[in-house]
Amino acid sequence: MASEPAATTLATMNTTTPLPRPQRLWPGLALATAGSIAFSGKAIIVKLAYRHGVDAATLIMYRMLFALPLFLGLAWWAGRGRPPLEARDWRVVVGLGFSGYYLASFLDFAGLAYVSAAFERLVLYLNPTLVLLIGRVVFKRRVAGAQLLALAVSYAGVLLVFGHEMRAAGPHVALGAALVFGSAVSYALYLVFSGEEVRRLGSLRLTGLATSVACLFCLAQFALVRPLAAAHVAPQVLWLSLLNATLCTFLPVLLVMMAIERVGATVAAQTGMVGPLSTILMGVVILGEPLTGWIVAGTVFVLTGIWLLAKAHPKT
């Protein structure tokens, strides 16, 4: 997905959650950390696959093809013993699947063809700030001064890295940044409008259903825009797509949800801040991307902004 279910926890960081007992804290922290690192590996795998000449539509098709049986199984398992979906539920699931998982994923994959994995992760980590802004515009929710400061700090970090990448890699970075930012907006819309359906269906059932719908959208997109011959890709692309679908897509969903059950959404979300750091490290070690002072500074700004946003509690 784009910002992935980990972003769901980031969007709910101001939810009051009882603190877990110390003996239950470390297993939950380990699950949240593993889930965040696994999610972050998606960008690395996509960048590796692009080295074999595959395009975004074909790459995302294979990822979703391999992920589809897993998410169908998740939807079935989470829906056992629960009432079947009504027509209204199906309409909402299709809409959420299109915005949160199909469109967000495709824009993210397309953007990764132009920007570094580290920059992509920083842009996606703006997701909580986008949820806040959409809530202000659509639902007229009040934004506190501390939240505005958090927004300013986060976006300053992204702009810092963006300016450096523009100078180092050229103007095509602007296109990549716009695509990845569009992905973040698409997933933020999913988070904003999925709240009621999460309460109706449950988070795992909704994730399984919406992602399955997105998989079908991706398969249909490939059938419409690419010739069948485009499915013939290097074996490395197939293995990378299988790894992406399992280790970096399906497994992290389960890890993050298990972490939330043990330590709550707030702690799980704060632990998820390891995501951008792990992406930068993997980008340097696996992809050979440079580790510059600009990237380090931008990461510090973004993570500080998200931390400030987590601590901001607007008066109601």
Protein backbone atom coordinates (compact mmCIF):
# COMPACT_ATOMS: atom_id res chain seq x y z
CA MET A 1 0.00 0.00 0.00
CA ALA A 2 1.09 3.56 0.04
CA SER A 3 1.54 4.70 3.58
CA GLU A 4 0.32 1.34 4.66
CA PRO A 5 -1.78 0.34 7.71
CA ALA A 6 1.02 1.71 9.87
CA ALA A 7 -0.23 5.12 8.80
CA THR A 8 -3.60 4.20 10.25
CA THR A 9 -2.05 4.09 13.66
CA LEU A 10 -0.27 7.38 13.03
CA ALA A 11 -3.60 8.97 12.16
CA THR A 12 -5.04 7.87 15.50
CA MET A 13 -2.14 8.95 17.69
CA ASN A 14 -4.33 11.29 19.73
CA THR A 15 -6.66 8.46 20.71
CA THR A 16 -6.56 7.78 24.42
CA THR A 17 -5.20 4.28 24.99
CA PRO A 18 -4.41 2.66 28.37
CA LEU A 19 -0.71 2.10 28.85
CA PRO A 20 0.22 -1.60 28.66
CA ARG A 21 1.83 -3.44 31.54
CA PRO A 22 5.64 -3.56 31.36
CA GLN A 23 5.70 -7.31 30.76
CA ARG A 24 3.46 -6.87 27.71
CA LEU A 25 5.27 -3.81 26.35
CA TRP A 26 8.34 -5.40 24.77
CA PRO A 27 6.55 -8.05 22.65
CA GLY A 28 4.28 -5.33 21.27
CA LEU A 29 7.20 -3.00 20.59
CA ALA A 30 9.03 -5.80 18.79
CA LEU A 31 5.99 -6.51 16.61
CA ALA A 32 5.49 -2.82 15.79
CA THR A 33 9.17 -2.35 14.97
CA ALA A 34 9.26 -5.43 12.74
CA GLY A 35 6.09 -4.32 10.95
CA SER A 36 7.43 -0.83 10.33
CA ILE A 37 10.74 -2.11 8.97
CA ALA A 38 8.95 -4.63 6.74
CA PHE A 39 6.66 -1.91 5.35
CA SER A 40 9.68 0.27 4.65
CA GLY A 41 11.33 -2.50 2.66
CA LYS A 42 8.69 -2.07 -0.06
CA ALA A 43 10.45 0.95 -1.53
CA ILE A 44 13.76 -0.92 -1.63
CA ILE A 45 12.22 -3.88 -3.46
CA VAL A 46 10.52 -1.59 -5.99
CA LYS A 47 13.79 0.22 -6.73
CA LEU A 48 15.56 -3.12 -7.19
CA ALA A 49 12.83 -4.32 -9.58
CA TYR A 50 13.11 -1.16 -11.69
CA ARG A 51 16.72 -2.12 -12.44
CA HIS A 52 15.33 -4.98 -14.56
CA GLY A 53 13.42 -2.69 -16.93
CA VAL A 54 9.89 -3.32 -15.63
CA ASP A 55 7.26 -0.53 -15.66
CA ALA A 56 5.05 0.55 -12.74
CA ALA A 57 1.80 -1.01 -14.06
CA THR A 58 3.41 -4.41 -14.56
CA LEU A 59 5.27 -4.32 -11.26
CA ILE A 60 2.23 -3.44 -9.19
CA MET A 61 0.18 -6.04 -11.08
CA TYR A 62 2.53 -8.81 -9.96
CA ARG A 63 2.64 -7.52 -6.40
CA MET A 64 -1.15 -7.51 -6.16
CA LEU A 65 -1.50 -10.82 -8.01
CA PHE A 66 0.62 -12.53 -5.37
CA ALA A 67 -1.06 -10.64 -2.51
CA LEU A 68 -4.66 -11.28 -3.62
CA PRO A 69 -5.05 -14.83 -2.19
CA LEU A 70 -3.57 -13.69 1.12
CA PHE A 71 -5.94 -10.76 1.55
CA LEU A 72 -8.95 -12.79 0.41
CA GLY A 73 -8.03 -15.28 3.14
CA LEU A 74 -7.70 -12.45 5.66
CA ALA A 75 -11.14 -11.07 4.71
CA TRP A 76 -12.68 -14.54 5.08
CA TRP A 77 -10.97 -15.21 8.42
CA ALA A 78 -11.87 -11.81 9.89
CA GLY A 79 -15.48 -12.12 8.68
CA ARG A 80 -16.22 -15.55 10.19
CA GLY A 81 -19.46 -15.53 12.13
CA ARG A 82 -20.20 -11.91 11.21
CA PRO A 83 -23.15 -10.66 9.14
CA PRO A 84 -22.63 -10.49 5.36
CA LEU A 85 -21.94 -7.12 3.81
CA GLU A 86 -24.85 -4.98 2.71
CA ALA A 87 -24.93 -3.21 -0.66
CA ARG A 88 -23.89 0.03 1.05
CA ASP A 89 -20.89 -1.71 2.61
CA TRP A 90 -19.74 -3.02 -0.75
CA ARG A 91 -19.95 0.46 -2.30
CA VAL A 92 -17.86 1.90 0.52
CA VAL A 93 -15.33 -0.95 0.37
CA VAL A 94 -14.88 -0.47 -3.38
CA GLY A 95 -14.37 3.28 -2.93
CA LEU A 96 -11.92 2.83 -0.08
CA GLY A 97 -10.07 0.09 -1.93
CA PHE A 98 -9.71 2.34 -4.98
CA SER A 99 -8.42 5.34 -3.01
CA GLY A 100 -6.48 3.78 -0.18
CA TYR A 101 -4.81 0.83 -1.83
CA TYR A 102 -5.09 0.94 -5.64
CA LEU A 103 -4.53 4.60 -6.47
CA ALA A 104 -2.19 5.23 -3.56
CA SER A 105 -0.08 2.18 -4.44
CA PHE A 106 0.11 2.96 -8.15
CA LEU A 107 1.13 6.59 -7.60
CA ASP A 108 3.73 5.48 -5.08
CA PHE A 109 5.23 2.88 -7.44
CA ALA A 110 5.26 5.39 -10.28
CA GLY A 111 6.93 8.02 -8.13
CA LEU A 112 9.69 5.65 -7.02
CA ALA A 113 10.94 5.59 -10.61
CA TYR A 114 12.08 9.21 -10.13
CA VAL A 115 13.02 9.70 -6.46
CA SER A 116 15.15 7.91 -3.89
CA ALA A 117 13.68 5.42 -1.45
CA ALA A 118 14.61 7.66 1.47
CA PHE A 119 12.81 10.69 0.03
CA GLU A 120 9.75 8.57 -0.83
CA ARG A 121 9.46 7.39 2.77
CA LEU A 122 9.76 10.92 4.13
CA VAL A 123 6.95 12.14 1.87
CA LEU A 124 4.71 9.24 2.87
CA TYR A 125 5.40 10.01 6.51
CA LEU A 126 3.53 13.29 6.03
CA ASN A 127 0.36 11.18 6.06
CA PRO A 128 -0.76 12.15 9.60
CA THR A 129 -0.40 15.82 8.73
CA LEU A 130 -2.54 15.31 5.61
CA VAL A 131 -5.21 13.57 7.69
CA LEU A 132 -5.18 16.59 9.99
CA LEU A 133 -5.46 19.05 7.08
CA ILE A 134 -8.26 17.10 5.37
CA GLY A 135 -10.16 16.97 8.65
CA ARG A 136 -9.81 20.74 8.94
CA VAL A 137 -10.98 21.41 5.36
CA VAL A 138 -13.73 18.78 5.06
CA PHE A 139 -15.06 18.54 8.61
CA LYS A 140 -14.02 21.98 9.91
CA ARG A 141 -12.12 20.42 12.79
CA ARG A 142 -10.08 22.81 14.85
CA VAL A 143 -6.31 22.73 14.42
CA ALA A 144 -4.37 23.76 17.53
CA GLY A 145 -1.29 25.94 17.44
CA ALA A 146 0.93 23.02 18.50
CA GLN A 147 -0.38 21.03 15.56
CA LEU A 148 0.39 23.87 13.15
CA LEU A 149 3.96 23.91 14.50
CA ALA A 150 4.17 20.15 13.90
CA LEU A 151 2.99 20.64 10.33
CA ALA A 152 5.55 23.37 9.68
CA VAL A 153 8.43 21.29 11.05
CA SER A 154 7.45 18.17 9.06
CA TYR A 155 7.02 19.97 5.75
CA ALA A 156 10.23 21.93 6.28
CA GLY A 157 12.07 18.61 6.48
CA VAL A 158 10.56 17.30 3.26
CA LEU A 159 11.24 20.56 1.42
CA LEU A 160 14.83 20.47 2.64
CA VAL A 161 15.43 17.03 1.11
CA PHE A 162 13.38 17.94 -1.98
CA GLY A 163 15.60 20.93 -2.71
CA HIS A 164 18.72 18.82 -2.35
CA GLU A 165 17.37 16.06 -4.64
CA MET A 166 16.35 18.62 -7.26
CA ARG A 167 19.91 19.93 -7.40
CA ALA A 168 21.49 16.47 -7.36
CA ALA A 169 19.17 14.45 -9.63
CA GLY A 170 17.44 17.02 -11.85
CA PRO A 171 13.91 18.32 -12.52
CA HIS A 172 12.36 14.85 -12.90
CA VAL A 173 12.46 14.68 -9.09
CA ALA A 174 9.54 17.14 -9.06
CA LEU A 175 7.39 14.65 -10.98
CA GLY A 176 8.35 11.84 -8.63
CA ALA A 177 7.67 13.97 -5.57
CA ALA A 178 4.25 14.96 -6.95
CA LEU A 179 3.34 11.33 -7.60
CA VAL A 180 4.40 10.17 -4.14
CA PHE A 181 2.66 13.12 -2.50
CA GLY A 182 -0.47 12.24 -4.48
CA SER A 183 -0.15 8.73 -3.07
CA ALA A 184 0.00 10.13 0.45
CA VAL A 185 -3.09 12.28 -0.18
CA SER A 186 -5.00 9.32 -1.61
CA TYR A 187 -4.22 7.19 1.42
CA ALA A 188 -5.04 10.06 3.78
CA LEU A 189 -8.50 10.28 2.19
CA TYR A 190 -8.89 6.56 2.86
CA LEU A 191 -8.02 7.09 6.52
CA VAL A 192 -10.37 10.03 6.92
CA PHE A 193 -13.39 8.30 5.41
CA SER A 194 -12.80 4.75 6.64
CA GLY A 195 -13.52 5.40 10.31
CA GLU A 196 -17.20 4.45 10.28
CA GLU A 197 -16.60 1.37 8.14
CA VAL A 198 -13.83 0.21 10.48
CA ARG A 199 -16.34 0.30 13.32
CA ARG A 200 -18.89 -1.61 11.24
CA LEU A 201 -16.63 -4.29 9.78
CA GLY A 202 -13.50 -4.30 11.93
CA SER A 203 -10.05 -3.19 10.82
CA LEU A 204 -8.77 -6.57 9.62
CA ARG A 205 -11.91 -7.42 7.67
CA LEU A 206 -11.96 -4.00 6.02
CA THR A 207 -8.25 -4.21 5.20
CA GLY A 208 -8.70 -7.65 3.65
CA LEU A 209 -11.71 -6.61 1.58
CA ALA A 210 -10.43 -3.20 0.47
CA THR A 211 -7.03 -4.59 -0.47
CA SER A 212 -8.63 -7.44 -2.43
CA VAL A 213 -10.65 -4.86 -4.37
CA ALA A 214 -7.45 -2.91 -5.02
CA CYS A 215 -5.76 -6.07 -6.30
CA LEU A 216 -8.55 -6.50 -8.84
CA PHE A 217 -8.20 -2.86 -9.91
CA CYS A 218 -4.47 -3.38 -10.47
CA LEU A 219 -5.03 -6.52 -12.52
CA ALA A 220 -7.69 -4.75 -14.60
CA GLN A 221 -5.38 -1.77 -15.14
CA PHE A 222 -2.65 -4.01 -16.49
CA ALA A 223 -5.09 -5.77 -18.84
CA LEU A 224 -6.29 -2.41 -20.18
CA VAL A 225 -3.04 -0.45 -20.57
CA ARG A 226 -0.37 -3.05 -21.19
CA PRO A 227 -0.06 -5.79 -23.84
CA LEU A 228 0.00 -9.36 -22.61
CA ALA A 229 3.65 -9.60 -23.68
CA ALA A 230 4.52 -7.12 -20.90
CA ALA A 231 3.85 -9.90 -18.38
CA HIS A 232 7.05 -11.59 -19.55
CA VAL A 233 9.55 -10.13 -17.10
CA ALA A 234 12.88 -11.17 -15.68
CA PRO A 235 12.69 -13.94 -13.05
CA GLN A 236 14.18 -11.51 -10.54
CA VAL A 237 11.09 -9.29 -10.91
CA LEU A 238 8.81 -12.21 -10.08
CA TRP A 239 10.79 -13.12 -6.97
CA LEU A 240 10.97 -9.50 -5.84
CA SER A 241 7.22 -9.09 -6.38
CA LEU A 242 6.52 -12.23 -4.36
CA LEU A 243 8.73 -10.89 -1.58
CA ASN A 244 6.99 -7.53 -1.78
CA ALA A 245 3.52 -9.10 -1.57
CA THR A 246 4.34 -11.28 1.43
CA LEU A 247 7.12 -9.78 3.53
CA CYS A 248 6.44 -6.10 2.78
CA THR A 249 2.65 -6.07 2.31
CA PHE A 250 0.68 -8.85 3.98
CA LEU A 251 2.92 -9.76 6.92
CA PRO A 252 3.33 -6.17 8.18
CA VAL A 253 -0.46 -5.76 8.29
CA LEU A 254 -0.67 -8.63 10.75
CA LEU A 255 2.36 -7.50 12.75
CA VAL A 256 1.07 -3.95 13.20
CA MET A 257 -2.44 -5.10 14.14
CA MET A 258 -0.99 -7.55 16.68
CA ALA A 259 1.16 -4.74 18.07
CA ILE A 260 -1.85 -2.44 18.45
CA GLU A 261 -3.68 -5.16 20.38
CA ARG A 262 -0.76 -5.38 22.84
CA VAL A 263 0.44 -1.81 23.26
CA GLY A 264 -2.28 0.38 21.73
CA ALA A 265 -2.34 2.62 18.67
CA THR A 266 -0.29 5.44 20.19
CA VAL A 267 2.72 3.37 21.21
CA ALA A 268 2.60 1.35 17.99
CA ALA A 269 2.53 4.54 15.94
CA GLN A 270 5.44 6.11 17.80
CA THR A 271 7.44 2.92 17.34
CA GLY A 272 6.65 3.18 13.62
CA MET A 273 8.93 6.20 13.43
CA VAL A 274 11.72 3.70 12.87
CA GLY A 275 10.34 3.32 9.33
CA PRO A 276 12.08 6.26 7.62
CA LEU A 277 15.32 5.45 9.40
CA SER A 278 15.24 1.83 8.26
CA THR A 279 14.46 2.91 4.69
CA ILE A 280 17.44 5.25 4.65
CA LEU A 281 19.73 2.55 6.04
CA MET A 282 18.49 -0.09 3.56
CA GLY A 283 18.79 2.42 0.73
CA VAL A 284 22.42 3.06 1.60
CA VAL A 285 23.35 -0.60 2.16
CA ILE A 286 21.27 -2.32 -0.55
CA LEU A 287 20.77 0.33 -3.23
CA GLY A 288 23.95 2.31 -2.76
CA GLU A 289 22.02 5.58 -2.26
CA PRO A 290 24.14 8.36 -0.75
CA LEU A 291 23.66 9.29 2.90
CA THR A 292 23.98 13.06 2.98
CA GLY A 293 23.62 15.61 5.71
CA TRP A 294 20.55 16.95 3.89
CA ILE A 295 18.75 13.60 4.17
CA VAL A 296 19.70 13.25 7.83
CA ALA A 297 18.52 16.78 8.60
CA GLY A 298 15.26 16.32 6.69
CA THR A 299 14.58 13.05 8.47
CA VAL A 300 15.12 14.69 11.85
CA PHE A 301 12.70 17.47 10.91
CA VAL A 302 10.00 15.07 9.69
CA LEU A 303 10.24 12.76 12.69
CA THR A 304 10.27 15.72 15.07
CA GLY A 305 7.14 17.08 13.42
CA ILE A 306 5.34 13.73 13.71
CA TRP A 307 6.42 13.47 17.35
CA LEU A 308 5.08 16.97 18.04
CA LEU A 309 1.83 16.03 16.30
CA ALA A 310 1.54 12.95 18.52
CA LYS A 311 1.93 15.12 21.61
CA ALA A 312 -0.52 17.82 20.48
CA HIS A 313 -3.96 17.54 22.06
CA PRO A 314 -6.29 20.25 20.74
CA LYS A 315 -8.89 21.58 23.09
CA THR A 316 -12.47 20.64 22.22
